[in-house]
């Protein structure tokens, strides 16, 4: 099975680390795939990208316009946004860097919200993809670590493995 990951474009890594982490390929946001931060970039919603941020109205506009994936930075689900994602076959991307880079009570809150978001997304039959979205080598995860983080927020083993392989492959290498 082929495993893929997506990291921030600022993340510097060598090609030998890709195989060591167990991935077929690690892609950079903004370089290998279009990545829009809806909170800072004021561009019009576009398809064929991954939208990232906390502004639910802008995320919903991107989901309506055909975005491949939506990454909710604060892990706070919104019923309207999730409905639009489900209708447009948009993938929910869960960036694990928010867990690995936060500490203490903030990390606990994010993990709790991610568990709720994952449960709602699964009930609405939304595909889920776990990505590291690492901004540095320190926050990069192997595919096994991504699976364990997925299990930490309530995913079963099989669902977690599928969310790292098949969905990421569909999302990233289209």
Protein backbone atom coordinates (compact mmCIF):
# COMPACT_ATOMS: atom_id res chain seq x y z
CA UNK A 1 0.00 0.00 0.00
CA UNK A 2 1.25 3.47 -0.80
CA UNK A 3 1.27 6.14 1.88
CA UNK A 4 1.41 9.89 1.27
CA UNK A 5 1.74 12.89 3.53
CA UNK A 6 1.40 16.64 3.17
CA UNK A 7 3.68 19.12 4.96
CA UNK A 8 3.92 22.92 4.98
CA UNK A 9 6.00 24.46 2.21
CA UNK A 10 8.41 25.81 4.85
CA UNK A 11 9.26 22.28 6.02
CA UNK A 12 12.76 21.30 4.88
CA UNK A 13 13.49 17.60 4.56
CA UNK A 14 15.75 15.33 2.56
CA UNK A 15 14.57 12.62 0.20
CA UNK A 16 16.00 9.82 2.37
CA UNK A 17 13.66 10.76 5.23
CA UNK A 18 10.62 10.07 3.03
CA UNK A 19 11.32 6.32 2.92
CA UNK A 20 12.43 6.24 6.58
CA UNK A 21 9.05 7.63 7.61
CA UNK A 22 7.33 4.99 5.46
CA UNK A 23 5.86 7.23 2.77
CA UNK A 24 5.77 6.82 -0.97
CA UNK A 25 5.94 10.58 -1.28
CA UNK A 26 5.76 13.65 0.94
CA UNK A 27 4.22 16.66 -0.76
CA UNK A 28 4.62 20.31 0.14
CA UNK A 29 1.59 22.53 0.50
CA UNK A 30 1.64 25.34 -2.00
CA UNK A 31 4.30 23.63 -4.12
CA UNK A 32 2.96 20.17 -4.97
CA UNK A 33 -0.69 20.91 -4.20
CA UNK A 34 -2.55 24.21 -3.90
CA UNK A 35 -3.10 25.09 -0.25
CA UNK A 36 -5.16 28.14 0.77
CA UNK A 37 -5.12 29.64 4.27
CA UNK A 38 -8.62 31.14 4.32
CA UNK A 39 -7.87 33.27 7.38
CA UNK A 40 -4.99 35.22 5.81
CA UNK A 41 -5.35 34.91 2.03
CA UNK A 42 -8.16 36.95 0.50
CA UNK A 43 -8.36 35.10 -2.83
CA UNK A 44 -11.65 33.90 -4.25
CA UNK A 45 -12.71 30.33 -3.47
CA UNK A 46 -11.27 27.88 -5.95
CA UNK A 47 -11.53 24.20 -6.66
CA UNK A 48 -8.71 21.68 -6.75
CA UNK A 49 -7.06 22.88 -3.53
CA UNK A 50 -7.02 22.27 0.19
CA UNK A 51 -8.54 25.07 2.26
CA UNK A 52 -7.19 25.56 5.77
CA UNK A 53 -8.32 27.85 8.57
CA UNK A 54 -10.93 28.69 11.17
CA UNK A 55 -13.35 30.92 9.23
CA UNK A 56 -16.28 28.55 8.67
CA UNK A 57 -18.03 30.73 6.06
CA UNK A 58 -14.91 30.91 3.90
CA UNK A 59 -14.25 27.18 4.37
CA UNK A 60 -17.83 26.47 3.27
CA UNK A 61 -17.35 28.67 0.20
CA UNK A 62 -14.25 26.68 -0.74
CA UNK A 63 -16.09 23.39 -0.17
CA UNK A 64 -18.91 24.60 -2.43
CA UNK A 65 -16.48 25.60 -5.16
CA UNK A 66 -14.93 22.14 -5.40
CA UNK A 67 -12.01 22.13 -2.98
CA UNK A 68 -10.49 18.66 -2.62
CA UNK A 69 -10.07 18.98 1.12
CA UNK A 70 -10.92 21.16 4.09
CA UNK A 71 -8.68 21.37 7.16
CA UNK A 72 -10.33 22.99 10.16
CA UNK A 73 -7.52 24.52 12.20
CA UNK A 74 -9.38 24.83 15.52
CA UNK A 75 -11.16 21.43 15.18
CA UNK A 76 -14.52 23.11 15.84
CA UNK A 77 -17.09 21.50 13.61
CA UNK A 78 -19.91 23.46 12.05
CA UNK A 79 -23.05 21.62 10.91
CA UNK A 80 -23.54 23.74 7.80
CA UNK A 81 -19.90 23.37 6.75
CA UNK A 82 -19.97 19.60 7.24
CA UNK A 83 -23.22 19.32 5.25
CA UNK A 84 -21.67 21.24 2.36
CA UNK A 85 -18.56 19.05 2.54
CA UNK A 86 -20.70 15.93 2.40
CA UNK A 87 -22.74 17.19 -0.56
CA UNK A 88 -19.59 18.10 -2.53
CA UNK A 89 -17.57 14.97 -1.67
CA UNK A 90 -14.96 17.11 0.06
CA UNK A 91 -12.41 15.36 2.27
CA UNK A 92 -11.96 16.42 5.90
CA UNK A 93 -8.23 16.81 6.45
CA UNK A 94 -7.06 16.50 10.05
CA UNK A 95 -3.68 18.25 10.42
CA UNK A 96 -1.84 16.45 13.21
CA UNK A 97 0.69 19.27 13.65
CA UNK A 98 -1.84 21.11 15.81
CA UNK A 99 -1.60 18.22 18.30
CA UNK A 100 2.17 17.77 18.15
CA UNK A 101 2.94 21.50 18.44
CA UNK A 102 0.51 22.34 21.25
CA UNK A 103 0.93 21.54 24.93
CA UNK A 104 -1.04 21.04 28.11
CA UNK A 105 -4.72 21.81 28.33
CA UNK A 106 -4.78 23.29 24.81
CA UNK A 107 -3.68 19.93 23.37
CA UNK A 108 -6.36 18.14 25.41
CA UNK A 109 -9.04 20.51 24.10
CA UNK A 110 -7.92 20.00 20.50
CA UNK A 111 -7.91 16.20 20.88
CA UNK A 112 -11.41 16.28 22.39
CA UNK A 113 -12.75 18.53 19.61
CA UNK A 114 -11.08 16.36 16.97
CA UNK A 115 -12.79 13.27 18.37
CA UNK A 116 -16.20 14.96 18.17
CA UNK A 117 -15.46 16.29 14.66
CA UNK A 118 -14.35 12.84 13.49
CA UNK A 119 -17.52 11.20 14.85
CA UNK A 120 -19.78 13.75 13.16
CA UNK A 121 -17.88 13.47 9.88
CA UNK A 122 -18.19 9.68 9.90
CA UNK A 123 -21.94 9.91 10.57
CA UNK A 124 -22.28 12.23 7.58
CA UNK A 125 -20.16 9.84 5.45
CA UNK A 126 -17.41 12.41 4.87
CA UNK A 127 -14.03 10.97 3.93
CA UNK A 128 -11.32 11.75 6.46
CA UNK A 129 -7.59 12.13 5.85
CA UNK A 130 -4.92 12.56 8.50
CA UNK A 131 -1.97 14.68 7.35
CA UNK A 132 0.99 15.87 9.39
CA UNK A 133 1.03 19.42 7.90
CA UNK A 134 4.39 19.73 9.66
CA UNK A 135 6.11 23.09 9.55
CA UNK A 136 9.48 21.63 10.56
CA UNK A 137 11.21 18.25 10.69
CA UNK A 138 10.50 18.17 14.41
CA UNK A 139 6.76 17.80 13.76
CA UNK A 140 6.93 15.32 10.88
CA UNK A 141 5.23 11.99 11.61
CA UNK A 142 5.71 8.54 10.19
CA UNK A 143 2.68 6.81 8.75
CA UNK A 144 2.53 4.62 11.90
CA UNK A 145 2.47 7.74 14.07
CA UNK A 146 -0.34 9.21 11.97
CA UNK A 147 -2.30 6.00 12.46
CA UNK A 148 -1.75 6.17 16.22
CA UNK A 149 -2.89 9.82 16.34
CA UNK A 150 -6.00 8.83 14.38
CA UNK A 151 -6.67 6.08 16.94
CA UNK A 152 -6.08 8.58 19.74
CA UNK A 153 -9.02 10.67 18.50
CA UNK A 154 -11.35 7.68 18.24
CA UNK A 155 -10.68 6.02 14.88
CA UNK A 156 -10.59 2.24 14.67
CA UNK A 157 -7.43 0.58 13.32
CA UNK A 158 -8.84 -0.17 9.86
CA UNK A 159 -10.36 3.30 9.43
CA UNK A 160 -7.12 4.92 10.60
CA UNK A 161 -5.01 2.96 8.09
CA UNK A 162 -7.39 3.75 5.24
CA UNK A 163 -7.36 7.44 6.11
CA UNK A 164 -3.57 7.50 5.73
CA UNK A 165 -3.31 5.48 2.53
CA UNK A 166 -6.25 5.44 0.14
CA UNK A 167 -7.75 8.80 1.03
CA UNK A 168 -4.40 10.61 1.10
CA UNK A 169 -3.54 9.04 -2.24
CA UNK A 170 -6.84 10.23 -3.69
CA UNK A 171 -6.46 13.64 -2.13
CA UNK A 172 -2.84 14.34 -2.89
CA UNK A 173 -2.03 12.49 -6.09
CA UNK A 174 -4.93 13.25 -8.42
